[in-house]
């Protein structure tokens, strides 16, 4: 989805990737290919990446800076940072975090993540 922020366009891609690393890699490659075929805009990809590793599995996002705002899974007892925020080089992630409250613990098996960005 392309959104207007202070009269500048920003592309926001929400994801819920698969459980198998090979599927996630394919999904990220397809997303990247689709985004690159569109008019260029500052782009953020965020959501449930379902990736347990900090070192492997996100190779299709080379050129993006990938952030883990904190432990977001399982909401009842967060032990893993499966939810991520990836920004291209047109954006700077200034701050990010995980929303942990009674309501967010029961709303999903993942806690929501948030990010504050600056256009470069």
PDB file of N, CA and C in Angstrom:
ATOM      1  N   UNK A   1       0.851  -1.159   0.000  1.00  0.00           N
ATOM      2  CA  UNK A   1       0.000   0.000   0.000  1.00  0.00           C
ATOM      3  C   UNK A   1       0.902   1.229   0.000  1.00  0.00           C
ATOM      4  N   UNK A   2       0.587   2.188  -0.837  1.00  0.00           N
ATOM      5  CA  UNK A   2       1.308   3.446  -0.860  1.00  0.00           C
ATOM      6  C   UNK A   2       0.522   4.458  -0.045  1.00  0.00           C
ATOM      7  N   UNK A   3       1.206   5.114   0.896  1.00  0.00           N
ATOM      8  CA  UNK A   3       0.551   6.088   1.763  1.00  0.00           C
ATOM      9  C   UNK A   3       1.276   7.422   1.654  1.00  0.00           C
ATOM     10  N   UNK A   4       0.544   8.499   1.917  1.00  0.00           N
ATOM     11  CA  UNK A   4       1.113   9.835   1.891  1.00  0.00           C
ATOM     12  C   UNK A   4       1.435  10.271   3.315  1.00  0.00           C
ATOM     13  N   UNK A   5       2.681  10.696   3.514  1.00  0.00           N
ATOM     14  CA  UNK A   5       3.131  11.190   4.805  1.00  0.00           C
ATOM     15  C   UNK A   5       3.783  12.548   4.555  1.00  0.00           C
ATOM     16  N   UNK A   6       3.202  13.589   5.105  1.00  0.00           N
ATOM     17  CA  UNK A   6       3.714  14.947   4.882  1.00  0.00           C
ATOM     18  C   UNK A   6       3.921  15.228   3.398  1.00  0.00           C
ATOM     19  N   UNK A   7       2.939  14.823   2.602  1.00  0.00           N
ATOM     20  CA  UNK A   7       2.936  15.038   1.152  1.00  0.00           C
ATOM     21  C   UNK A   7       4.023  14.262   0.406  1.00  0.00           C
ATOM     22  N   UNK A   8       4.593  13.277   1.048  1.00  0.00           N
ATOM     23  CA  UNK A   8       5.553  12.386   0.396  1.00  0.00           C
ATOM     24  C   UNK A   8       4.990  10.978   0.427  1.00  0.00           C
ATOM     25  N   UNK A   9       5.187  10.253  -0.667  1.00  0.00           N
ATOM     26  CA  UNK A   9       4.666   8.888  -0.728  1.00  0.00           C
ATOM     27  C   UNK A   9       5.643   7.901  -0.105  1.00  0.00           C
ATOM     28  N   UNK A  10       5.070   6.910   0.579  1.00  0.00           N
ATOM     29  CA  UNK A  10       5.808   5.845   1.240  1.00  0.00           C
ATOM     30  C   UNK A  10       5.112   4.536   0.918  1.00  0.00           C
ATOM     31  N   UNK A  11       5.877   3.519   0.570  1.00  0.00           N
ATOM     32  CA  UNK A  11       5.308   2.195   0.291  1.00  0.00           C
ATOM     33  C   UNK A  11       5.437   1.346   1.557  1.00  0.00           C
ATOM     34  N   UNK A  12       4.297   0.801   2.005  1.00  0.00           N
ATOM     35  CA  UNK A  12       4.245  -0.045   3.193  1.00  0.00           C
ATOM     36  C   UNK A  12       3.757  -1.420   2.772  1.00  0.00           C
ATOM     37  N   UNK A  13       4.565  -2.445   3.076  1.00  0.00           N
ATOM     38  CA  UNK A  13       4.224  -3.823   2.724  1.00  0.00           C
ATOM     39  C   UNK A  13       4.101  -4.614   4.021  1.00  0.00           C
ATOM     40  N   UNK A  14       2.884  -5.051   4.333  1.00  0.00           N
ATOM     41  CA  UNK A  14       2.649  -5.886   5.504  1.00  0.00           C
ATOM     42  C   UNK A  14       2.764  -7.351   5.124  1.00  0.00           C
ATOM     43  N   UNK A  15       3.488  -8.131   5.937  1.00  0.00           N
ATOM     44  CA  UNK A  15       3.716  -9.537   5.602  1.00  0.00           C
ATOM     45  C   UNK A  15       3.356 -10.461   6.758  1.00  0.00           C
ATOM     46  N   UNK A  16       2.994 -11.671   6.377  1.00  0.00           N
ATOM     47  CA  UNK A  16       2.862 -12.799   7.296  1.00  0.00           C
ATOM     48  C   UNK A  16       3.451 -13.981   6.539  1.00  0.00           C
ATOM     49  N   UNK A  17       4.740 -14.204   6.751  1.00  0.00           N
ATOM     50  CA  UNK A  17       5.468 -15.201   5.972  1.00  0.00           C
ATOM     51  C   UNK A  17       5.243 -16.612   6.498  1.00  0.00           C
ATOM     52  N   UNK A  18       5.551 -17.580   5.656  1.00  0.00           N
ATOM     53  CA  UNK A  18       5.321 -18.989   5.963  1.00  0.00           C
ATOM     54  C   UNK A  18       6.197 -19.541   7.069  1.00  0.00           C
ATOM     55  N   UNK A  19       5.922 -20.783   7.416  1.00  0.00           N
ATOM     56  CA  UNK A  19       6.643 -21.436   8.510  1.00  0.00           C
ATOM     57  C   UNK A  19       7.961 -22.067   8.074  1.00  0.00           C
ATOM     58  N   UNK A  20       8.094 -22.395   6.802  1.00  0.00           N
ATOM     59  CA  UNK A  20       9.326 -23.015   6.306  1.00  0.00           C
ATOM     60  C   UNK A  20      10.260 -21.952   5.738  1.00  0.00           C
ATOM     61  N   UNK A  21      11.549 -22.030   6.084  1.00  0.00           N
ATOM     62  CA  UNK A  21      12.510 -21.037   5.612  1.00  0.00           C
ATOM     63  C   UNK A  21      12.524 -20.950   4.088  1.00  0.00           C
ATOM     64  N   UNK A  22      12.452 -22.072   3.404  1.00  0.00           N
ATOM     65  CA  UNK A  22      12.460 -22.033   1.935  1.00  0.00           C
ATOM     66  C   UNK A  22      11.240 -21.274   1.407  1.00  0.00           C
ATOM     67  N   UNK A  23      10.099 -21.437   2.047  1.00  0.00           N
ATOM     68  CA  UNK A  23       8.897 -20.690   1.655  1.00  0.00           C
ATOM     69  C   UNK A  23       9.073 -19.202   1.918  1.00  0.00           C
ATOM     70  N   UNK A  24       9.625 -18.869   3.089  1.00  0.00           N
ATOM     71  CA  UNK A  24       9.829 -17.456   3.428  1.00  0.00           C
ATOM     72  C   UNK A  24      10.773 -16.790   2.435  1.00  0.00           C
ATOM     73  N   UNK A  25      11.847 -17.473   2.085  1.00  0.00           N
ATOM     74  CA  UNK A  25      12.788 -16.914   1.103  1.00  0.00           C
ATOM     75  C   UNK A  25      12.090 -16.666  -0.231  1.00  0.00           C
ATOM     76  N   UNK A  26      11.284 -17.614  -0.672  1.00  0.00           N
ATOM     77  CA  UNK A  26      10.548 -17.446  -1.918  1.00  0.00           C
ATOM     78  C   UNK A  26       9.544 -16.313  -1.836  1.00  0.00           C
ATOM     79  N   UNK A  27       8.857 -16.213  -0.709  1.00  0.00           N
ATOM     80  CA  UNK A  27       7.891 -15.130  -0.530  1.00  0.00           C
ATOM     81  C   UNK A  27       8.585 -13.769  -0.535  1.00  0.00           C
ATOM     82  N   UNK A  28       9.713 -13.662   0.167  1.00  0.00           N
ATOM     83  CA  UNK A  28      10.440 -12.393   0.190  1.00  0.00           C
ATOM     84  C   UNK A  28      10.988 -12.039  -1.188  1.00  0.00           C
ATOM     85  N   UNK A  29      11.462 -13.037  -1.926  1.00  0.00           N
ATOM     86  CA  UNK A  29      11.957 -12.777  -3.286  1.00  0.00           C
ATOM     87  C   UNK A  29      10.823 -12.282  -4.180  1.00  0.00           C
ATOM     88  N   UNK A  30       9.643 -12.877  -4.060  1.00  0.00           N
ATOM     89  CA  UNK A  30       8.495 -12.448  -4.860  1.00  0.00           C
ATOM     90  C   UNK A  30       8.058 -11.036  -4.482  1.00  0.00           C
ATOM     91  N   UNK A  31       8.045 -10.741  -3.192  1.00  0.00           N
ATOM     92  CA  UNK A  31       7.683  -9.396  -2.731  1.00  0.00           C
ATOM     93  C   UNK A  31       8.689  -8.389  -3.263  1.00  0.00           C
ATOM     94  N   UNK A  32       9.960  -8.702  -3.128  1.00  0.00           N
ATOM     95  CA  UNK A  32      11.014  -7.799  -3.609  1.00  0.00           C
ATOM     96  C   UNK A  32      10.872  -7.558  -5.110  1.00  0.00           C
ATOM     97  N   UNK A  33      10.657  -8.610  -5.871  1.00  0.00           N
ATOM     98  CA  UNK A  33      10.499  -8.499  -7.319  1.00  0.00           C
ATOM     99  C   UNK A  33       9.306  -7.611  -7.666  1.00  0.00           C
ATOM    100  N   UNK A  34       8.202  -7.805  -6.978  1.00  0.00           N
ATOM    101  CA  UNK A  34       7.001  -7.007  -7.232  1.00  0.00           C
ATOM    102  C   UNK A  34       7.252  -5.532  -6.907  1.00  0.00           C
ATOM    103  N   UNK A  35       7.866  -5.265  -5.758  1.00  0.00           N
ATOM    104  CA  UNK A  35       8.135  -3.889  -5.344  1.00  0.00           C
ATOM    105  C   UNK A  35       9.074  -3.212  -6.341  1.00  0.00           C
ATOM    106  N   UNK A  36      10.084  -3.922  -6.813  1.00  0.00           N
ATOM    107  CA  UNK A  36      11.044  -3.342  -7.754  1.00  0.00           C
ATOM    108  C   UNK A  36      10.424  -3.065  -9.119  1.00  0.00           C
ATOM    109  N   UNK A  37       9.339  -3.753  -9.448  1.00  0.00           N
ATOM    110  CA  UNK A  37       8.665  -3.532 -10.729  1.00  0.00           C
ATOM    111  C   UNK A  37       7.764  -2.288 -10.696  1.00  0.00           C
ATOM    112  N   UNK A  38       7.478  -1.786  -9.506  1.00  0.00           N
ATOM    113  CA  UNK A  38       6.634  -0.595  -9.346  1.00  0.00           C
ATOM    114  C   UNK A  38       7.487   0.668  -9.421  1.00  0.00           C
ATOM    115  N   UNK A  39       6.815   1.814  -9.522  1.00  0.00           N
ATOM    116  CA  UNK A  39       7.536   3.080  -9.441  1.00  0.00           C
ATOM    117  C   UNK A  39       8.317   3.108  -8.130  1.00  0.00           C
ATOM    118  N   UNK A  40       9.555   3.580  -8.149  1.00  0.00           N
ATOM    119  CA  UNK A  40      10.358   3.563  -6.917  1.00  0.00           C
ATOM    120  C   UNK A  40       9.808   4.532  -5.871  1.00  0.00           C
ATOM    121  N   UNK A  41       9.689   4.029  -4.655  1.00  0.00           N
ATOM    122  CA  UNK A  41       9.275   4.811  -3.494  1.00  0.00           C
ATOM    123  C   UNK A  41      10.044   4.316  -2.281  1.00  0.00           C
ATOM    124  N   UNK A  42      10.244   5.161  -1.271  1.00  0.00           N
ATOM    125  CA  UNK A  42      10.780   4.651  -0.006  1.00  0.00           C
ATOM    126  C   UNK A  42       9.876   3.521   0.475  1.00  0.00           C
ATOM    127  N   UNK A  43      10.485   2.412   0.893  1.00  0.00           N
ATOM    128  CA  UNK A  43       9.707   1.202   1.183  1.00  0.00           C
ATOM    129  C   UNK A  43      10.052   0.628   2.555  1.00  0.00           C
ATOM    130  N   UNK A  44       9.008   0.245   3.278  1.00  0.00           N
ATOM    131  CA  UNK A  44       9.149  -0.491   4.524  1.00  0.00           C
ATOM    132  C   UNK A  44       8.355  -1.793   4.388  1.00  0.00           C
ATOM    133  N   UNK A  45       8.980  -2.888   4.794  1.00  0.00           N
ATOM    134  CA  UNK A  45       8.332  -4.208   4.818  1.00  0.00           C
ATOM    135  C   UNK A  45       8.308  -4.634   6.282  1.00  0.00           C
ATOM    136  N   UNK A  46       7.125  -4.922   6.798  1.00  0.00           N
ATOM    137  CA  UNK A  46       7.058  -5.246   8.214  1.00  0.00           C
ATOM    138  C   UNK A  46       5.967  -6.258   8.499  1.00  0.00           C
ATOM    139  N   UNK A  47       6.137  -6.957   9.604  1.00  0.00           N
ATOM    140  CA  UNK A  47       5.132  -7.920  10.028  1.00  0.00           C
ATOM    141  C   UNK A  47       5.774  -9.183  10.568  1.00  0.00           C
ATOM    142  N   UNK A  48       5.036 -10.270  10.457  1.00  0.00           N
ATOM    143  CA  UNK A  48       5.465 -11.571  10.970  1.00  0.00           C
ATOM    144  C   UNK A  48       6.365 -12.240   9.943  1.00  0.00           C
ATOM    145  N   UNK A  49       7.665 -12.134  10.162  1.00  0.00           N
ATOM    146  CA  UNK A  49       8.637 -12.768   9.270  1.00  0.00           C
ATOM    147  C   UNK A  49       8.800 -14.252   9.597  1.00  0.00           C
ATOM    148  N   UNK A  50       8.368 -14.684  10.772  1.00  0.00           N
ATOM    149  CA  UNK A  50       8.458 -16.086  11.191  1.00  0.00           C
ATOM    150  C   UNK A  50       9.874 -16.640  11.095  1.00  0.00           C
ATOM    151  N   UNK A  51      10.880 -15.777  11.137  1.00  0.00           N
ATOM    152  CA  UNK A  51      12.280 -16.218  11.030  1.00  0.00           C
ATOM    153  C   UNK A  51      12.922 -16.186  12.413  1.00  0.00           C
ATOM    154  N   UNK A  52      13.405 -17.355  12.836  1.00  0.00           N
ATOM    155  CA  UNK A  52      14.013 -17.482  14.162  1.00  0.00           C
ATOM    156  C   UNK A  52      15.460 -17.016  14.177  1.00  0.00           C
ATOM    157  N   UNK A  53      16.116 -17.062  13.039  1.00  0.00           N
ATOM    158  CA  UNK A  53      17.538 -16.725  12.977  1.00  0.00           C
ATOM    159  C   UNK A  53      17.752 -15.243  12.674  1.00  0.00           C
ATOM    160  N   UNK A  54      18.808 -14.679  13.253  1.00  0.00           N
ATOM    161  CA  UNK A  54      19.213 -13.310  12.929  1.00  0.00           C
ATOM    162  C   UNK A  54      20.205 -13.289  11.774  1.00  0.00           C
ATOM    163  N   UNK A  55      20.703 -14.463  11.367  1.00  0.00           N
ATOM    164  CA  UNK A  55      21.783 -14.515  10.380  1.00  0.00           C
ATOM    165  C   UNK A  55      21.371 -15.089   9.031  1.00  0.00           C
ATOM    166  N   UNK A  56      20.370 -15.927   8.990  1.00  0.00           N
ATOM    167  CA  UNK A  56      19.992 -16.554   7.726  1.00  0.00           C
ATOM    168  C   UNK A  56      18.486 -16.430   7.506  1.00  0.00           C
ATOM    169  N   UNK A  57      18.088 -16.617   6.246  1.00  0.00           N
ATOM    170  CA  UNK A  57      16.671 -16.637   5.916  1.00  0.00           C
ATOM    171  C   UNK A  57      16.134 -15.356   5.302  1.00  0.00           C
ATOM    172  N   UNK A  58      16.862 -14.260   5.466  1.00  0.00           N
ATOM    173  CA  UNK A  58      16.372 -12.975   4.967  1.00  0.00           C
ATOM    174  C   UNK A  58      17.196 -12.470   3.781  1.00  0.00           C
ATOM    175  N   UNK A  59      17.909 -13.359   3.130  1.00  0.00           N
ATOM    176  CA  UNK A  59      18.794 -12.990   2.027  1.00  0.00           C
ATOM    177  C   UNK A  59      18.113 -12.200   0.908  1.00  0.00           C
ATOM    178  N   UNK A  60      16.849 -12.460   0.568  1.00  0.00           N
ATOM    179  CA  UNK A  60      16.214 -11.657  -0.487  1.00  0.00           C
ATOM    180  C   UNK A  60      16.088 -10.168  -0.142  1.00  0.00           C
ATOM    181  N   UNK A  61      16.338  -9.805   1.106  1.00  0.00           N
ATOM    182  CA  UNK A  61      16.216  -8.410   1.511  1.00  0.00           C
ATOM    183  C   UNK A  61      17.561  -7.683   1.534  1.00  0.00           C
ATOM    184  N   UNK A  62      18.545  -8.201   0.823  1.00  0.00           N
ATOM    185  CA  UNK A  62      19.830  -7.511   0.720  1.00  0.00           C
ATOM    186  C   UNK A  62      19.559  -6.090   0.232  1.00  0.00           C
ATOM    187  N   UNK A  63      20.168  -5.114   0.894  1.00  0.00           N
ATOM    188  CA  UNK A  63      19.918  -3.713   0.572  1.00  0.00           C
ATOM    189  C   UNK A  63      18.903  -3.066   1.496  1.00  0.00           C
ATOM    190  N   UNK A  64      18.140  -3.881   2.204  1.00  0.00           N
ATOM    191  CA  UNK A  64      17.229  -3.391   3.229  1.00  0.00           C
ATOM    192  C   UNK A  64      17.922  -3.540   4.583  1.00  0.00           C
ATOM    193  N   UNK A  65      17.640  -2.627   5.475  1.00  0.00           N
ATOM    194  CA  UNK A  65      18.115  -2.770   6.847  1.00  0.00           C
ATOM    195  C   UNK A  65      16.994  -3.430   7.632  1.00  0.00           C
ATOM    196  N   UNK A  66      17.264  -4.624   8.176  1.00  0.00           N
ATOM    197  CA  UNK A  66      16.234  -5.402   8.874  1.00  0.00           C
ATOM    198  C   UNK A  66      16.413  -5.225  10.378  1.00  0.00           C
ATOM    199  N   UNK A  67      15.324  -4.863  11.044  1.00  0.00           N
ATOM    200  CA  UNK A  67      15.342  -4.619  12.486  1.00  0.00           C
ATOM    201  C   UNK A  67      14.414  -5.600  13.194  1.00  0.00           C
ATOM    202  N   UNK A  68      14.829  -6.011  14.374  1.00  0.00           N
ATOM    203  CA  UNK A  68      13.987  -6.799  15.275  1.00  0.00           C
ATOM    204  C   UNK A  68      13.681  -5.908  16.482  1.00  0.00           C
ATOM    205  N   UNK A  69      12.475  -5.365  16.544  1.00  0.00           N
ATOM    206  CA  UNK A  69      12.160  -4.433  17.639  1.00  0.00           C
ATOM    207  C   UNK A  69      12.161  -5.063  19.026  1.00  0.00           C
ATOM    208  N   UNK A  70      12.110  -6.375  19.100  1.00  0.00           N
ATOM    209  CA  UNK A  70      12.106  -7.045  20.394  1.00  0.00           C
ATOM    210  C   UNK A  70      11.363  -8.364  20.319  1.00  0.00           C
ATOM    211  N   UNK A  71      11.316  -9.028  21.435  1.00  0.00           N
ATOM    212  CA  UNK A  71      10.632 -10.326  21.496  1.00  0.00           C
ATOM    213  C   UNK A  71       9.127 -10.122  21.377  1.00  0.00           C
ATOM    214  N   UNK A  72       8.559 -10.781  20.380  1.00  0.00           N
ATOM    215  CA  UNK A  72       7.132 -10.583  20.090  1.00  0.00           C
ATOM    216  C   UNK A  72       6.344 -11.888  20.042  1.00  0.00           C
ATOM    217  N   UNK A  73       7.025 -13.015  20.145  1.00  0.00           N
ATOM    218  CA  UNK A  73       6.359 -14.317  20.063  1.00  0.00           C
ATOM    219  C   UNK A  73       6.877 -15.200  21.200  1.00  0.00           C
ATOM    220  N   UNK A  74       6.069 -15.908  21.794  1.00  0.00           N
ATOM    221  CA  UNK A  74       4.639 -16.005  21.873  1.00  0.00           C
ATOM    222  C   UNK A  74       4.135 -14.906  22.796  1.00  0.00           C
ATOM    223  N   UNK A  75       2.990 -14.323  22.421  1.00  0.00           N
ATOM    224  CA  UNK A  75       2.466 -13.164  23.142  1.00  0.00           C
ATOM    225  C   UNK A  75       2.321 -13.418  24.639  1.00  0.00           C
ATOM    226  N   UNK A  76       1.956 -14.637  25.017  1.00  0.00           N
ATOM    227  CA  UNK A  76       1.769 -14.943  26.437  1.00  0.00           C
ATOM    228  C   UNK A  76       3.089 -14.941  27.199  1.00  0.00           C
ATOM    229  N   UNK A  77       4.163 -15.294  26.495  1.00  0.00           N
ATOM    230  CA  UNK A  77       5.504 -15.333  27.109  1.00  0.00           C
ATOM    231  C   UNK A  77       6.520 -15.134  25.985  1.00  0.00           C
ATOM    232  N   UNK A  78       6.805 -13.899  25.628  1.00  0.00           N
ATOM    233  CA  UNK A  78       7.651 -13.616  24.462  1.00  0.00           C
ATOM    234  C   UNK A  78       9.088 -14.125  24.640  1.00  0.00           C
ATOM    235  N   UNK A  79       9.495 -14.986  23.718  1.00  0.00           N
ATOM    236  CA  UNK A  79      10.854 -15.542  23.754  1.00  0.00           C
ATOM    237  C   UNK A  79      11.596 -15.348  22.428  1.00  0.00           C
ATOM    238  N   UNK A  80      10.886 -14.965  21.355  1.00  0.00           N
ATOM    239  CA  UNK A  80      11.518 -14.868  20.031  1.00  0.00           C
ATOM    240  C   UNK A  80      11.122 -13.573  19.334  1.00  0.00           C
ATOM    241  N   UNK A  81      12.060 -13.060  18.549  1.00  0.00           N
ATOM    242  CA  UNK A  81      11.839 -11.831  17.765  1.00  0.00           C
ATOM    243  C   UNK A  81      11.474 -12.209  16.338  1.00  0.00           C
ATOM    244  N   UNK A  82      10.257 -12.702  16.143  1.00  0.00           N
ATOM    245  CA  UNK A  82       9.835 -13.164  14.817  1.00  0.00           C
ATOM    246  C   UNK A  82       9.268 -12.044  13.965  1.00  0.00           C
ATOM    247  N   UNK A  83       8.882 -10.945  14.581  1.00  0.00           N
ATOM    248  CA  UNK A  83       8.296  -9.825  13.856  1.00  0.00           C
ATOM    249  C   UNK A  83       9.384  -8.793  13.592  1.00  0.00           C
ATOM    250  N   UNK A  84       9.476  -8.373  12.335  1.00  0.00           N
ATOM    251  CA  UNK A  84      10.599  -7.532  11.912  1.00  0.00           C
ATOM    252  C   UNK A  84      10.095  -6.325  11.140  1.00  0.00           C
ATOM    253  N   UNK A  85      11.008  -5.365  11.010  1.00  0.00           N
ATOM    254  CA  UNK A  85      10.781  -4.178  10.201  1.00  0.00           C
ATOM    255  C   UNK A  85      12.001  -4.028   9.297  1.00  0.00           C
ATOM    256  N   UNK A  86      11.773  -4.007   7.978  1.00  0.00           N
ATOM    257  CA  UNK A  86      12.858  -3.844   7.014  1.00  0.00           C
ATOM    258  C   UNK A  86      12.641  -2.546   6.250  1.00  0.00           C
ATOM    259  N   UNK A  87      13.676  -1.701   6.194  1.00  0.00           N
ATOM    260  CA  UNK A  87      13.569  -0.421   5.504  1.00  0.00           C
ATOM    261  C   UNK A  87      14.632  -0.342   4.410  1.00  0.00           C
ATOM    262  N   UNK A  88      14.260   0.293   3.296  1.00  0.00           N
ATOM    263  CA  UNK A  88      15.250   0.484   2.242  1.00  0.00           C
ATOM    264  C   UNK A  88      16.114   1.697   2.590  1.00  0.00           C
ATOM    265  N   UNK A  89      17.053   2.018   1.722  1.00  0.00           N
ATOM    266  CA  UNK A  89      18.008   3.080   2.058  1.00  0.00           C
ATOM    267  C   UNK A  89      17.431   4.491   1.964  1.00  0.00           C
ATOM    268  N   UNK A  90      16.151   4.611   1.628  1.00  0.00           N
ATOM    269  CA  UNK A  90      15.483   5.919   1.623  1.00  0.00           C
ATOM    270  C   UNK A  90      14.861   6.251   2.972  1.00  0.00           C
ATOM    271  N   UNK A  91      14.886   5.283   3.887  1.00  0.00           N
ATOM    272  CA  UNK A  91      14.268   5.461   5.200  1.00  0.00           C
ATOM    273  C   UNK A  91      15.278   5.176   6.301  1.00  0.00           C
ATOM    274  N   UNK A  92      15.090   5.841   7.410  1.00  0.00           N
ATOM    275  CA  UNK A  92      15.884   5.581   8.605  1.00  0.00           C
ATOM    276  C   UNK A  92      14.918   5.238   9.724  1.00  0.00           C
ATOM    277  N   UNK A  93      15.119   4.086  10.336  1.00  0.00           N
ATOM    278  CA  UNK A  93      14.295   3.711  11.482  1.00  0.00           C
ATOM    279  C   UNK A  93      14.865   4.405  12.709  1.00  0.00           C
ATOM    280  N   UNK A  94      14.104   5.336  13.267  1.00  0.00           N
ATOM    281  CA  UNK A  94      14.571   6.114  14.415  1.00  0.00           C
ATOM    282  C   UNK A  94      14.294   5.437  15.745  1.00  0.00           C
ATOM    283  N   UNK A  95      13.197   4.688  15.810  1.00  0.00           N
ATOM    284  CA  UNK A  95      12.816   4.028  17.050  1.00  0.00           C
ATOM    285  C   UNK A  95      11.858   2.897  16.704  1.00  0.00           C
ATOM    286  N   UNK A  96      11.817   1.896  17.540  1.00  0.00           N
ATOM    287  CA  UNK A  96      10.906   0.769  17.323  1.00  0.00           C
ATOM    288  C   UNK A  96      10.715   0.038  18.639  1.00  0.00           C
ATOM    289  N   UNK A  97       9.654  -0.742  18.697  1.00  0.00           N
ATOM    290  CA  UNK A  97       9.409  -1.493  19.914  1.00  0.00           C
ATOM    291  C   UNK A  97       8.293  -2.503  19.745  1.00  0.00           C
ATOM    292  N   UNK A  98       7.968  -3.131  20.851  1.00  0.00           N
ATOM    293  CA  UNK A  98       6.916  -4.133  20.928  1.00  0.00           C
ATOM    294  C   UNK A  98       5.870  -3.616  21.917  1.00  0.00           C
ATOM    295  N   UNK A  99       4.605  -3.751  21.549  1.00  0.00           N
ATOM    296  CA  UNK A  99       3.520  -3.311  22.430  1.00  0.00           C
ATOM    297  C   UNK A  99       3.102  -4.507  23.280  1.00  0.00           C
ATOM    298  N   UNK A 100       3.337  -4.382  24.569  1.00  0.00           N
ATOM    299  CA  UNK A 100       3.016  -5.485  25.474  1.00  0.00           C
ATOM    300  C   UNK A 100       2.026  -4.987  26.526  1.00  0.00           C
ATOM    301  N   UNK A 101       0.800  -5.504  26.427  1.00  0.00           N
ATOM    302  CA  UNK A 101      -0.245  -5.142  27.385  1.00  0.00           C
ATOM    303  C   UNK A 101      -1.170  -6.346  27.550  1.00  0.00           C
ATOM    304  N   UNK A 102      -2.079  -6.226  28.463  1.00  0.00           N
ATOM    305  CA  UNK A 102      -3.046  -7.306  28.658  1.00  0.00           C
ATOM    306  C   UNK A 102      -3.820  -7.553  27.361  1.00  0.00           C
ATOM    307  N   UNK A 103      -4.244  -6.476  26.703  1.00  0.00           N
ATOM    308  CA  UNK A 103      -5.013  -6.611  25.463  1.00  0.00           C
ATOM    309  C   UNK A 103      -4.190  -7.235  24.339  1.00  0.00           C
ATOM    310  N   UNK A 104      -2.933  -6.811  24.176  1.00  0.00           N
ATOM    311  CA  UNK A 104      -2.138  -7.355  23.069  1.00  0.00           C
ATOM    312  C   UNK A 104      -1.746  -8.807  23.317  1.00  0.00           C
ATOM    313  N   UNK A 105      -1.668  -9.216  24.576  1.00  0.00           N
ATOM    314  CA  UNK A 105      -1.333 -10.621  24.868  1.00  0.00           C
ATOM    315  C   UNK A 105      -2.452 -11.579  24.471  1.00  0.00           C
ATOM    316  N   UNK A 106      -3.701 -11.088  24.465  1.00  0.00           N
ATOM    317  CA  UNK A 106      -4.820 -11.965  24.125  1.00  0.00           C
ATOM    318  C   UNK A 106      -5.309 -11.771  22.690  1.00  0.00           C
ATOM    319  N   UNK A 107      -4.875 -10.709  22.019  1.00  0.00           N
ATOM    320  CA  UNK A 107      -5.361 -10.415  20.672  1.00  0.00           C
ATOM    321  C   UNK A 107      -4.786 -11.347  19.613  1.00  0.00           C
ATOM    322  N   UNK A 108      -3.588 -11.862  19.842  1.00  0.00           N
ATOM    323  CA  UNK A 108      -2.904 -12.692  18.850  1.00  0.00           C
ATOM    324  C   UNK A 108      -1.825 -13.503  19.546  1.00  0.00           C
ATOM    325  N   UNK A 109      -1.246 -14.443  18.816  1.00  0.00           N
ATOM    326  CA  UNK A 109      -0.108 -15.169  19.384  1.00  0.00           C
ATOM    327  C   UNK A 109       1.191 -14.369  19.227  1.00  0.00           C
ATOM    328  N   UNK A 110       1.142 -13.255  18.484  1.00  0.00           N
ATOM    329  CA  UNK A 110       2.276 -12.343  18.344  1.00  0.00           C
ATOM    330  C   UNK A 110       1.905 -10.996  18.950  1.00  0.00           C
ATOM    331  N   UNK A 111       2.865 -10.373  19.613  1.00  0.00           N
ATOM    332  CA  UNK A 111       2.664  -9.004  20.065  1.00  0.00           C
ATOM    333  C   UNK A 111       2.915  -8.063  18.885  1.00  0.00           C
ATOM    334  N   UNK A 112       2.190  -6.955  18.811  1.00  0.00           N
ATOM    335  CA  UNK A 112       2.411  -6.013  17.707  1.00  0.00           C
ATOM    336  C   UNK A 112       3.738  -5.269  17.869  1.00  0.00           C
ATOM    337  N   UNK A 113       4.365  -4.971  16.732  1.00  0.00           N
ATOM    338  CA  UNK A 113       5.565  -4.146  16.720  1.00  0.00           C
ATOM    339  C   UNK A 113       5.235  -2.806  16.089  1.00  0.00           C
ATOM    340  N   UNK A 114       6.031  -1.802  16.385  1.00  0.00           N
ATOM    341  CA  UNK A 114       5.830  -0.468  15.837  1.00  0.00           C
ATOM    342  C   UNK A 114       7.188   0.116  15.458  1.00  0.00           C
ATOM    343  N   UNK A 115       7.148   1.084  14.558  1.00  0.00           N
ATOM    344  CA  UNK A 115       8.370   1.764  14.169  1.00  0.00           C
ATOM    345  C   UNK A 115       8.124   3.222  13.874  1.00  0.00           C
ATOM    346  N   UNK A 116       9.128   4.048  14.133  1.00  0.00           N
ATOM    347  CA  UNK A 116       9.102   5.470  13.801  1.00  0.00           C
ATOM    348  C   UNK A 116      10.207   5.689  12.780  1.00  0.00           C
ATOM    349  N   UNK A 117       9.830   6.280  11.625  1.00  0.00           N
ATOM    350  CA  UNK A 117      10.741   6.408  10.495  1.00  0.00           C
ATOM    351  C   UNK A 117      11.013   7.857  10.143  1.00  0.00           C
ATOM    352  N   UNK A 118      12.129   8.063   9.480  1.00  0.00           N
ATOM    353  CA  UNK A 118      12.449   9.364   8.891  1.00  0.00           C
ATOM    354  C   UNK A 118      12.825   9.127   7.447  1.00  0.00           C
ATOM    355  N   UNK A 119      12.238   9.940   6.550  1.00  0.00           N
ATOM    356  CA  UNK A 119      12.618   9.866   5.151  1.00  0.00           C
ATOM    357  C   UNK A 119      13.988  10.497   4.981  1.00  0.00           C
ATOM    358  N   UNK A 120      14.882   9.811   4.307  1.00  0.00           N
ATOM    359  CA  UNK A 120      16.240  10.329   4.084  1.00  0.00           C
ATOM    360  C   UNK A 120      16.247  11.246   2.890  1.00  0.00           C
TER     361      UNK A 120
END
